[in-house]
Amino acid sequence: MFTKSSTLGYIEKLKGVMLKTLAHGEKTLLTNIKLTKGAVIPPHQHPHEQTGFLITGCLDFIIDGEHFIAEPGDSWGILGNVSHGVEALEDSSVVEAFAPVREDYLP
């Protein structure tokens, strides 16, 4: 699969949280997530391992009960079934990979 860059294809998953699947294979899925300042993804968990990189902005993560402030260039890895959530302290753009593929994120 090869995907050309485009500003189209974002879906609002939560208020202020826009998600676009960039590419996927049989075992992994790559997304771009844009969060507006003040957007909140409440604590949740899923069986997928999640690895991310903050391109722009500032995020306050709670991962397994611990707070982490992410700034541009920071990255994270969250194992499956670990509780996590995030609040956007600034307008932010993230690239995240999920394994296995998140069926609910397929285009």
Protein backbone atom coordinates (compact mmCIF):
# COMPACT_ATOMS: atom_id res chain seq x y z
CA MET A 1 0.00 0.00 0.00
CA PHE A 2 1.26 3.47 -0.89
CA THR A 3 -0.63 6.62 0.09
CA LYS A 4 0.01 10.12 -1.25
CA SER A 5 -0.17 13.01 1.23
CA SER A 6 -3.56 14.71 1.41
CA THR A 7 -5.48 16.99 3.75
CA LEU A 8 -8.64 14.95 3.06
CA GLY A 9 -9.90 11.88 4.89
CA TYR A 10 -9.92 12.99 8.54
CA ILE A 11 -12.77 11.71 10.73
CA GLU A 12 -13.77 13.35 14.02
CA LYS A 13 -13.52 10.53 16.58
CA LEU A 14 -14.19 12.76 19.61
CA LYS A 15 -14.77 16.49 19.98
CA GLY A 16 -11.54 18.15 18.78
CA VAL A 17 -9.90 14.82 17.82
CA MET A 18 -9.49 14.21 14.08
CA LEU A 19 -8.06 10.89 12.89
CA LYS A 20 -6.85 9.78 9.49
CA THR A 21 -5.49 6.34 8.63
CA LEU A 22 -2.35 6.88 6.57
CA ALA A 23 -1.53 3.29 5.63
CA HIS A 24 -2.03 -0.25 6.89
CA GLY A 25 -0.85 -3.75 6.25
CA GLU A 26 -1.83 -7.15 7.61
CA LYS A 27 -0.34 -6.52 11.07
CA THR A 28 0.08 -2.75 11.54
CA LEU A 29 -1.83 0.47 10.99
CA LEU A 30 -0.42 4.02 10.82
CA THR A 31 -2.49 7.10 11.69
CA ASN A 32 -2.25 10.88 11.92
CA ILE A 33 -4.25 12.34 14.78
CA LYS A 34 -4.88 16.07 15.14
CA LEU A 35 -6.09 17.39 18.47
CA THR A 36 -7.29 20.92 19.14
CA LYS A 37 -6.25 22.64 22.36
CA GLY A 38 -8.45 21.38 25.20
CA ALA A 39 -9.47 18.15 23.44
CA VAL A 40 -9.57 15.14 25.75
CA ILE A 41 -9.35 11.44 25.00
CA PRO A 42 -10.60 9.92 28.26
CA PRO A 43 -8.78 7.01 29.89
CA HIS A 44 -9.40 3.80 27.98
CA GLN A 45 -7.65 0.59 27.00
CA HIS A 46 -7.60 -1.74 24.03
CA PRO A 47 -5.69 -4.88 23.04
CA HIS A 48 -3.59 -3.01 20.46
CA GLU A 49 0.00 -1.96 21.13
CA GLN A 50 0.31 1.77 20.34
CA THR A 51 3.51 3.62 19.41
CA GLY A 52 3.45 7.37 18.77
CA PHE A 53 5.46 10.46 17.91
CA LEU A 54 4.45 14.08 18.58
CA ILE A 55 5.04 16.27 15.52
CA THR A 56 3.65 19.56 16.86
CA GLY A 57 1.94 20.83 20.00
CA CYS A 58 1.94 19.68 23.61
CA LEU A 59 0.04 16.77 25.19
CA ASP A 60 -0.59 15.66 28.78
CA PHE A 61 -0.73 11.85 28.84
CA ILE A 62 -1.92 9.65 31.67
CA ILE A 63 -0.52 6.17 31.09
CA ASP A 64 -1.21 3.51 33.70
CA GLY A 65 -1.91 6.28 36.25
CA GLU A 66 1.29 8.26 35.55
CA HIS A 67 1.40 11.74 33.91
CA PHE A 68 3.76 12.51 31.03
CA ILE A 69 4.04 15.84 29.19
CA ALA A 70 4.86 15.25 25.51
CA GLU A 71 6.52 17.97 23.43
CA PRO A 72 7.51 17.92 19.74
CA GLY A 73 9.95 15.10 19.03
CA ASP A 74 8.83 13.01 22.03
CA SER A 75 7.58 9.47 21.47
CA TRP A 76 5.80 6.75 23.44
CA GLY A 77 4.94 3.09 23.42
CA ILE A 78 1.83 1.83 25.19
CA LEU A 79 1.35 -1.90 25.58
CA GLY A 80 -2.02 -3.48 24.86
CA ASN A 81 -4.62 -3.41 27.65
CA VAL A 82 -2.86 -0.57 29.54
CA SER A 83 -5.11 2.32 30.59
CA HIS A 84 -4.21 5.61 28.91
CA GLY A 85 -5.73 8.98 28.01
CA VAL A 86 -4.56 12.40 26.86
CA GLU A 87 -5.41 16.10 26.98
CA ALA A 88 -4.18 18.52 24.31
CA LEU A 89 -2.47 21.48 26.00
CA GLU A 90 -1.95 23.03 22.54
CA ASP A 91 -3.17 22.25 19.03
CA SER A 92 -1.22 19.06 18.30
CA SER A 93 -0.40 16.59 15.53
CA VAL A 94 0.60 13.01 16.25
CA VAL A 95 1.64 10.00 14.18
CA GLU A 96 0.70 6.68 15.80
CA ALA A 97 1.09 3.05 14.80
CA PHE A 98 -1.12 0.25 16.11
CA ALA A 99 -0.53 -3.49 16.12
CA PRO A 100 -2.47 -5.54 15.40
CA VAL A 101 -4.52 -3.48 12.94
CA ARG A 102 -7.35 -1.54 14.56
CA GLU A 103 -10.36 -2.60 12.52
CA ASP A 104 -12.29 0.48 13.75
CA TYR A 105 -9.64 2.75 12.14
CA LEU A 106 -9.70 1.17 8.69
CA PRO A 107 -10.87 3.58 5.95
